[in-house]
Amino acid sequence: MLKKSLALVATIAFLGAAACSQGPNEEAGEAADTAAEQSTTGSTDLGQGPMEEAGEHADAMTDGATTAPPAGTTTAPATTTP
């Protein structure tokens, strides 16, 4: 009985930790919110700010993938002739 209880507690703790992971866009949004709060009020609000929420939605839409283009796919800027 004790082993089953410990296994259940460990499983719940693991799932809780996995649910709290942040994607790269959410982390960037949190950093932007923190910087804005520090520069305007001098303190940090621990709640979610608008940029963090936007990053969370972006992570949900992109499945946490980064938005950088793959290497080698950049194009040279267009040149104009006078």
PDB file of N, CA and C in Angstrom:
ATOM      1  N   MET A   1       0.821  -1.192   0.000  1.00  0.00           N
ATOM      2  CA  MET A   1       0.000   0.000   0.000  1.00  0.00           C
ATOM      3  C   MET A   1       0.870   1.263   0.000  1.00  0.00           C
ATOM      4  N   LEU A   2       1.926   1.246   0.775  1.00  0.00           N
ATOM      5  CA  LEU A   2       2.806   2.403   0.856  1.00  0.00           C
ATOM      6  C   LEU A   2       3.503   2.652  -0.483  1.00  0.00           C
ATOM      7  N   LYS A   3       3.918   1.569  -1.151  1.00  0.00           N
ATOM      8  CA  LYS A   3       4.597   1.726  -2.442  1.00  0.00           C
ATOM      9  C   LYS A   3       3.657   2.338  -3.473  1.00  0.00           C
ATOM     10  N   LYS A   4       2.398   1.924  -3.454  1.00  0.00           N
ATOM     11  CA  LYS A   4       1.429   2.481  -4.406  1.00  0.00           C
ATOM     12  C   LYS A   4       1.190   3.956  -4.127  1.00  0.00           C
ATOM     13  N   SER A   5       1.118   4.316  -2.866  1.00  0.00           N
ATOM     14  CA  SER A   5       0.911   5.715  -2.500  1.00  0.00           C
ATOM     15  C   SER A   5       2.098   6.576  -2.920  1.00  0.00           C
ATOM     16  N   LEU A   6       3.298   6.077  -2.684  1.00  0.00           N
ATOM     17  CA  LEU A   6       4.497   6.829  -3.093  1.00  0.00           C
ATOM     18  C   LEU A   6       4.588   6.947  -4.603  1.00  0.00           C
ATOM     19  N   ALA A   7       4.225   5.898  -5.313  1.00  0.00           N
ATOM     20  CA  ALA A   7       4.241   5.948  -6.776  1.00  0.00           C
ATOM     21  C   ALA A   7       3.229   6.965  -7.285  1.00  0.00           C
ATOM     22  N   LEU A   8       2.068   7.027  -6.668  1.00  0.00           N
ATOM     23  CA  LEU A   8       1.045   7.989  -7.068  1.00  0.00           C
ATOM     24  C   LEU A   8       1.510   9.421  -6.812  1.00  0.00           C
ATOM     25  N   VAL A   9       2.100   9.668  -5.665  1.00  0.00           N
ATOM     26  CA  VAL A   9       2.606  11.011  -5.340  1.00  0.00           C
ATOM     27  C   VAL A   9       3.720  11.407  -6.304  1.00  0.00           C
ATOM     28  N   ALA A  10       4.611  10.490  -6.612  1.00  0.00           N
ATOM     29  CA  ALA A  10       5.704  10.784  -7.542  1.00  0.00           C
ATOM     30  C   ALA A  10       5.166  11.088  -8.931  1.00  0.00           C
ATOM     31  N   THR A  11       4.173  10.351  -9.373  1.00  0.00           N
ATOM     32  CA  THR A  11       3.583  10.586 -10.695  1.00  0.00           C
ATOM     33  C   THR A  11       2.919  11.948 -10.757  1.00  0.00           C
ATOM     34  N   ILE A  12       2.168  12.299  -9.723  1.00  0.00           N
ATOM     35  CA  ILE A  12       1.502  13.604  -9.689  1.00  0.00           C
ATOM     36  C   ILE A  12       2.532  14.735  -9.671  1.00  0.00           C
ATOM     37  N   ALA A  13       3.593  14.575  -8.920  1.00  0.00           N
ATOM     38  CA  ALA A  13       4.638  15.598  -8.865  1.00  0.00           C
ATOM     39  C   ALA A  13       5.329  15.748 -10.216  1.00  0.00           C
ATOM     40  N   PHE A  14       5.594  14.644 -10.889  1.00  0.00           N
ATOM     41  CA  PHE A  14       6.240  14.700 -12.198  1.00  0.00           C
ATOM     42  C   PHE A  14       5.342  15.393 -13.215  1.00  0.00           C
ATOM     43  N   LEU A  15       4.060  15.054 -13.225  1.00  0.00           N
ATOM     44  CA  LEU A  15       3.128  15.693 -14.163  1.00  0.00           C
ATOM     45  C   LEU A  15       2.966  17.172 -13.870  1.00  0.00           C
ATOM     46  N   GLY A  16       2.984  17.527 -12.606  1.00  0.00           N
ATOM     47  CA  GLY A  16       2.898  18.939 -12.250  1.00  0.00           C
ATOM     48  C   GLY A  16       4.107  19.729 -12.711  1.00  0.00           C
ATOM     49  N   ALA A  17       5.277  19.137 -12.598  1.00  0.00           N
ATOM     50  CA  ALA A  17       6.500  19.809 -13.060  1.00  0.00           C
ATOM     51  C   ALA A  17       6.516  19.921 -14.571  1.00  0.00           C
ATOM     52  N   ALA A  18       6.034  18.921 -15.264  1.00  0.00           N
ATOM     53  CA  ALA A  18       6.007  18.957 -16.733  1.00  0.00           C
ATOM     54  C   ALA A  18       5.023  20.000 -17.241  1.00  0.00           C
ATOM     55  N   ALA A  19       3.948  20.209 -16.520  1.00  0.00           N
ATOM     56  CA  ALA A  19       2.951  21.187 -16.942  1.00  0.00           C
ATOM     57  C   ALA A  19       3.437  22.618 -16.763  1.00  0.00           C
ATOM     58  N   CYS A  20       4.444  22.841 -15.946  1.00  0.00           N
ATOM     59  CA  CYS A  20       4.929  24.185 -15.667  1.00  0.00           C
ATOM     60  C   CYS A  20       6.048  24.630 -16.600  1.00  0.00           C
ATOM     61  N   SER A  21       6.452  23.807 -17.532  1.00  0.00           N
ATOM     62  CA  SER A  21       7.557  24.196 -18.408  1.00  0.00           C
ATOM     63  C   SER A  21       7.103  25.303 -19.348  1.00  0.00           C
ATOM     64  N   GLN A  22       8.001  26.214 -19.643  1.00  0.00           N
ATOM     65  CA  GLN A  22       7.705  27.342 -20.510  1.00  0.00           C
ATOM     66  C   GLN A  22       8.424  27.168 -21.832  1.00  0.00           C
ATOM     67  N   GLY A  23       7.776  27.602 -22.891  1.00  0.00           N
ATOM     68  CA  GLY A  23       8.395  27.594 -24.200  1.00  0.00           C
ATOM     69  C   GLY A  23       9.270  28.820 -24.373  1.00  0.00           C
ATOM     70  N   PRO A  24      10.022  28.877 -25.468  1.00  0.00           N
ATOM     71  CA  PRO A  24      10.948  30.000 -25.668  1.00  0.00           C
ATOM     72  C   PRO A  24      10.246  31.342 -25.824  1.00  0.00           C
ATOM     73  N   ASN A  25       9.084  31.369 -26.460  1.00  0.00           N
ATOM     74  CA  ASN A  25       8.374  32.638 -26.635  1.00  0.00           C
ATOM     75  C   ASN A  25       7.806  33.141 -25.318  1.00  0.00           C
ATOM     76  N   GLU A  26       7.317  32.231 -24.489  1.00  0.00           N
ATOM     77  CA  GLU A  26       6.795  32.629 -23.183  1.00  0.00           C
ATOM     78  C   GLU A  26       7.914  33.147 -22.293  1.00  0.00           C
ATOM     79  N   GLU A  27       9.086  32.506 -22.345  1.00  0.00           N
ATOM     80  CA  GLU A  27      10.223  32.982 -21.557  1.00  0.00           C
ATOM     81  C   GLU A  27      10.651  34.377 -21.991  1.00  0.00           C
ATOM     82  N   ALA A  28      10.656  34.620 -23.305  1.00  0.00           N
ATOM     83  CA  ALA A  28      11.023  35.951 -23.804  1.00  0.00           C
ATOM     84  C   ALA A  28       9.995  36.985 -23.374  1.00  0.00           C
ATOM     85  N   GLY A  29       8.722  36.619 -23.415  1.00  0.00           N
ATOM     86  CA  GLY A  29       7.674  37.534 -22.974  1.00  0.00           C
ATOM     87  C   GLY A  29       7.779  37.857 -21.497  1.00  0.00           C
ATOM     88  N   GLU A  30       8.106  36.844 -20.697  1.00  0.00           N
ATOM     89  CA  GLU A  30       8.278  37.063 -19.266  1.00  0.00           C
ATOM     90  C   GLU A  30       9.447  38.013 -19.010  1.00  0.00           C
ATOM     91  N   ALA A  31      10.525  37.847 -19.750  1.00  0.00           N
ATOM     92  CA  ALA A  31      11.680  38.735 -19.596  1.00  0.00           C
ATOM     93  C   ALA A  31      11.315  40.163 -19.984  1.00  0.00           C
ATOM     94  N   ALA A  32      10.519  40.317 -21.045  1.00  0.00           N
ATOM     95  CA  ALA A  32      10.106  41.662 -21.471  1.00  0.00           C
ATOM     96  C   ALA A  32       9.203  42.305 -20.426  1.00  0.00           C
ATOM     97  N   ASP A  33       8.271  41.520 -19.871  1.00  0.00           N
ATOM     98  CA  ASP A  33       7.393  42.051 -18.825  1.00  0.00           C
ATOM     99  C   ASP A  33       8.203  42.471 -17.604  1.00  0.00           C
ATOM    100  N   THR A  34       9.155  41.646 -17.197  1.00  0.00           N
ATOM    101  CA  THR A  34       9.970  41.951 -16.030  1.00  0.00           C
ATOM    102  C   THR A  34      10.781  43.222 -16.253  1.00  0.00           C
ATOM    103  N   ALA A  35      11.364  43.359 -17.436  1.00  0.00           N
ATOM    104  CA  ALA A  35      12.152  44.558 -17.737  1.00  0.00           C
ATOM    105  C   ALA A  35      11.275  45.805 -17.723  1.00  0.00           C
ATOM    106  N   ALA A  36      10.080  45.708 -18.276  1.00  0.00           N
ATOM    107  CA  ALA A  36       9.173  46.858 -18.284  1.00  0.00           C
ATOM    108  C   ALA A  36       8.743  47.224 -16.870  1.00  0.00           C
ATOM    109  N   GLU A  37       8.456  46.220 -16.057  1.00  0.00           N
ATOM    110  CA  GLU A  37       8.052  46.487 -14.675  1.00  0.00           C
ATOM    111  C   GLU A  37       9.189  47.108 -13.880  1.00  0.00           C
ATOM    112  N   GLN A  38      10.398  46.595 -14.061  1.00  0.00           N
ATOM    113  CA  GLN A  38      11.553  47.124 -13.331  1.00  0.00           C
ATOM    114  C   GLN A  38      11.818  48.579 -13.717  1.00  0.00           C
ATOM    115  N   SER A  39      11.654  48.897 -14.999  1.00  0.00           N
ATOM    116  CA  SER A  39      11.984  50.253 -15.435  1.00  0.00           C
ATOM    117  C   SER A  39      10.897  51.258 -15.076  1.00  0.00           C
ATOM    118  N   THR A  40       9.656  50.807 -14.935  1.00  0.00           N
ATOM    119  CA  THR A  40       8.584  51.760 -14.639  1.00  0.00           C
ATOM    120  C   THR A  40       8.240  51.848 -13.161  1.00  0.00           C
ATOM    121  N   THR A  41       8.203  50.707 -12.460  1.00  0.00           N
ATOM    122  CA  THR A  41       7.788  50.721 -11.057  1.00  0.00           C
ATOM    123  C   THR A  41       8.914  50.402 -10.093  1.00  0.00           C
ATOM    124  N   GLY A  42       9.989  49.819 -10.592  1.00  0.00           N
ATOM    125  CA  GLY A  42      11.098  49.449  -9.727  1.00  0.00           C
ATOM    126  C   GLY A  42      10.891  48.138  -8.999  1.00  0.00           C
ATOM    127  N   SER A  43       9.789  47.456  -9.280  1.00  0.00           N
ATOM    128  CA  SER A  43       9.529  46.159  -8.653  1.00  0.00           C
ATOM    129  C   SER A  43       9.055  45.182  -9.718  1.00  0.00           C
ATOM    130  N   THR A  44       8.917  43.933  -9.312  1.00  0.00           N
ATOM    131  CA  THR A  44       8.500  42.898 -10.250  1.00  0.00           C
ATOM    132  C   THR A  44       7.217  42.258  -9.766  1.00  0.00           C
ATOM    133  N   ASP A  45       6.206  42.220 -10.631  1.00  0.00           N
ATOM    134  CA  ASP A  45       4.951  41.551 -10.329  1.00  0.00           C
ATOM    135  C   ASP A  45       5.095  40.090 -10.734  1.00  0.00           C
ATOM    136  N   LEU A  46       4.764  39.173  -9.832  1.00  0.00           N
ATOM    137  CA  LEU A  46       4.938  37.752 -10.113  1.00  0.00           C
ATOM    138  C   LEU A  46       3.835  37.179 -10.994  1.00  0.00           C
ATOM    139  N   GLY A  47       2.783  37.928 -11.277  1.00  0.00           N
ATOM    140  CA  GLY A  47       1.711  37.455 -12.143  1.00  0.00           C
ATOM    141  C   GLY A  47       2.117  37.535 -13.607  1.00  0.00           C
ATOM    142  N   GLN A  48       1.299  36.941 -14.454  1.00  0.00           N
ATOM    143  CA  GLN A  48       1.604  36.978 -15.882  1.00  0.00           C
ATOM    144  C   GLN A  48       1.264  38.347 -16.453  1.00  0.00           C
ATOM    145  N   GLY A  49       2.198  38.869 -17.245  1.00  0.00           N
ATOM    146  CA  GLY A  49       1.976  40.128 -17.927  1.00  0.00           C
ATOM    147  C   GLY A  49       1.494  39.882 -19.340  1.00  0.00           C
ATOM    148  N   PRO A  50       1.191  40.944 -20.077  1.00  0.00           N
ATOM    149  CA  PRO A  50       0.651  40.782 -21.426  1.00  0.00           C
ATOM    150  C   PRO A  50       1.630  40.135 -22.411  1.00  0.00           C
ATOM    151  N   MET A  51       2.915  40.434 -22.297  1.00  0.00           N
ATOM    152  CA  MET A  51       3.887  39.837 -23.226  1.00  0.00           C
ATOM    153  C   MET A  51       4.076  38.349 -22.940  1.00  0.00           C
ATOM    154  N   GLU A  52       4.049  37.974 -21.661  1.00  0.00           N
ATOM    155  CA  GLU A  52       4.190  36.566 -21.308  1.00  0.00           C
ATOM    156  C   GLU A  52       2.982  35.772 -21.815  1.00  0.00           C
ATOM    157  N   GLU A  53       1.785  36.354 -21.688  1.00  0.00           N
ATOM    158  CA  GLU A  53       0.592  35.686 -22.199  1.00  0.00           C
ATOM    159  C   GLU A  53       0.646  35.544 -23.712  1.00  0.00           C
ATOM    160  N   ALA A  54       1.125  36.591 -24.400  1.00  0.00           N
ATOM    161  CA  ALA A  54       1.252  36.510 -25.856  1.00  0.00           C
ATOM    162  C   ALA A  54       2.263  35.435 -26.243  1.00  0.00           C
ATOM    163  N   GLY A  55       3.358  35.353 -25.504  1.00  0.00           N
ATOM    164  CA  GLY A  55       4.350  34.313 -25.774  1.00  0.00           C
ATOM    165  C   GLY A  55       3.809  32.920 -25.531  1.00  0.00           C
ATOM    166  N   GLU A  56       2.973  32.795 -24.497  1.00  0.00           N
ATOM    167  CA  GLU A  56       2.358  31.502 -24.209  1.00  0.00           C
ATOM    168  C   GLU A  56       1.453  31.068 -25.362  1.00  0.00           C
ATOM    169  N   HIS A  57       0.691  32.015 -25.904  1.00  0.00           N
ATOM    170  CA  HIS A  57      -0.167  31.701 -27.044  1.00  0.00           C
ATOM    171  C   HIS A  57       0.663  31.368 -28.284  1.00  0.00           C
ATOM    172  N   ALA A  58       1.767  32.087 -28.482  1.00  0.00           N
ATOM    173  CA  ALA A  58       2.636  31.797 -29.624  1.00  0.00           C
ATOM    174  C   ALA A  58       3.253  30.411 -29.502  1.00  0.00           C
ATOM    175  N   ASP A  59       3.653  30.039 -28.291  1.00  0.00           N
ATOM    176  CA  ASP A  59       4.193  28.696 -28.082  1.00  0.00           C
ATOM    177  C   ASP A  59       3.137  27.632 -28.356  1.00  0.00           C
ATOM    178  N   ALA A  60       1.902  27.910 -27.967  1.00  0.00           N
ATOM    179  CA  ALA A  60       0.832  26.946 -28.210  1.00  0.00           C
ATOM    180  C   ALA A  60       0.569  26.787 -29.706  1.00  0.00           C
ATOM    181  N   MET A  61       0.658  27.876 -30.445  1.00  0.00           N
ATOM    182  CA  MET A  61       0.394  27.815 -31.887  1.00  0.00           C
ATOM    183  C   MET A  61       1.542  27.162 -32.655  1.00  0.00           C
ATOM    184  N   THR A  62       2.768  27.343 -32.181  1.00  0.00           N
ATOM    185  CA  THR A  62       3.937  26.797 -32.880  1.00  0.00           C
ATOM    186  C   THR A  62       4.467  25.541 -32.227  1.00  0.00           C
ATOM    187  N   ASP A  63       3.762  25.032 -31.230  1.00  0.00           N
ATOM    188  CA  ASP A  63       4.166  23.830 -30.494  1.00  0.00           C
ATOM    189  C   ASP A  63       5.538  24.013 -29.855  1.00  0.00           C
ATOM    190  N   GLY A  64       5.855  25.246 -29.451  1.00  0.00           N
ATOM    191  CA  GLY A  64       7.106  25.538 -28.762  1.00  0.00           C
ATOM    192  C   GLY A  64       8.315  25.638 -29.661  1.00  0.00           C
ATOM    193  N   ALA A  65       8.103  25.605 -30.976  1.00  0.00           N
ATOM    194  CA  ALA A  65       9.231  25.683 -31.905  1.00  0.00           C
ATOM    195  C   ALA A  65       9.727  27.117 -31.995  1.00  0.00           C
ATOM    196  N   THR A  66      11.004  27.264 -32.241  1.00  0.00           N
ATOM    197  CA  THR A  66      11.544  28.604 -32.431  1.00  0.00           C
ATOM    198  C   THR A  66      11.133  29.107 -33.802  1.00  0.00           C
ATOM    199  N   THR A  67      11.121  30.407 -33.956  1.00  0.00           N
ATOM    200  CA  THR A  67      10.646  30.996 -35.204  1.00  0.00           C
ATOM    201  C   THR A  67      11.780  31.376 -36.150  1.00  0.00           C
ATOM    202  N   ALA A  68      13.002  31.020 -35.812  1.00  0.00           N
ATOM    203  CA  ALA A  68      14.140  31.346 -36.672  1.00  0.00           C
ATOM    204  C   ALA A  68      14.107  30.467 -37.920  1.00  0.00           C
ATOM    205  N   PRO A  69      14.447  31.018 -39.079  1.00  0.00           N
ATOM    206  CA  PRO A  69      14.469  30.197 -40.290  1.00  0.00           C
ATOM    207  C   PRO A  69      15.605  29.185 -40.233  1.00  0.00           C
ATOM    208  N   PRO A  70      15.468  28.080 -40.930  1.00  0.00           N
ATOM    209  CA  PRO A  70      16.555  27.094 -40.947  1.00  0.00           C
ATOM    210  C   PRO A  70      17.826  27.694 -41.544  1.00  0.00           C
ATOM    211  N   ALA A  71      18.958  27.191 -41.115  1.00  0.00           N
ATOM    212  CA  ALA A  71      20.243  27.698 -41.596  1.00  0.00           C
ATOM    213  C   ALA A  71      20.370  27.481 -43.103  1.00  0.00           C
ATOM    214  N   GLY A  72      20.913  28.455 -43.787  1.00  0.00           N
ATOM    215  CA  GLY A  72      21.144  28.336 -45.220  1.00  0.00           C
ATOM    216  C   GLY A  72      19.963  28.716 -46.080  1.00  0.00           C
ATOM    217  N   THR A  73      18.884  29.223 -45.479  1.00  0.00           N
ATOM    218  CA  THR A  73      17.721  29.574 -46.268  1.00  0.00           C
ATOM    219  C   THR A  73      17.544  31.086 -46.391  1.00  0.00           C
ATOM    220  N   THR A  74      18.515  31.853 -45.944  1.00  0.00           N
ATOM    221  CA  THR A  74      18.379  33.300 -46.060  1.00  0.00           C
ATOM    222  C   THR A  74      18.667  33.727 -47.481  1.00  0.00           C
ATOM    223  N   THR A  75      18.041  34.789 -47.887  1.00  0.00           N
ATOM    224  CA  THR A  75      18.263  35.313 -49.229  1.00  0.00           C
ATOM    225  C   THR A  75      18.994  36.639 -49.134  1.00  0.00           C
ATOM    226  N   ALA A  76      19.738  36.950 -50.155  1.00  0.00           N
ATOM    227  CA  ALA A  76      20.471  38.213 -50.187  1.00  0.00           C
ATOM    228  C   ALA A  76      19.483  39.345 -50.423  1.00  0.00           C
ATOM    229  N   PRO A  77      19.749  40.523 -49.889  1.00  0.00           N
ATOM    230  CA  PRO A  77      18.834  41.653 -50.120  1.00  0.00           C
ATOM    231  C   PRO A  77      18.838  42.034 -51.593  1.00  0.00           C
ATOM    232  N   ALA A  78      17.698  42.527 -52.043  1.00  0.00           N
ATOM    233  CA  ALA A  78      17.558  42.940 -53.437  1.00  0.00           C
ATOM    234  C   ALA A  78      18.436  44.154 -53.691  1.00  0.00           C
ATOM    235  N   THR A  79      19.057  44.182 -54.812  1.00  0.00           N
ATOM    236  CA  THR A  79      19.894  45.332 -55.179  1.00  0.00           C
ATOM    237  C   THR A  79      19.143  46.172 -56.199  1.00  0.00           C
ATOM    238  N   THR A  80      19.339  47.449 -56.110  1.00  0.00           N
ATOM    239  CA  THR A  80      18.697  48.348 -57.062  1.00  0.00           C
ATOM    240  C   THR A  80      19.776  49.099 -57.831  1.00  0.00           C
ATOM    241  N   THR A  81      19.483  49.365 -59.049  1.00  0.00           N
ATOM    242  CA  THR A  81      20.441  50.130 -59.853  1.00  0.00           C
ATOM    243  C   THR A  81      19.828  51.487 -60.174  1.00  0.00           C
ATOM    244  N   PRO A  82      20.614  52.525 -60.082  1.00  0.00           N
ATOM    245  CA  PRO A  82      20.071  53.881 -60.328  1.00  0.00           C
ATOM    246  C   PRO A  82      19.830  54.145 -61.800  1.00  0.00           C
TER     247      PRO A  82
END
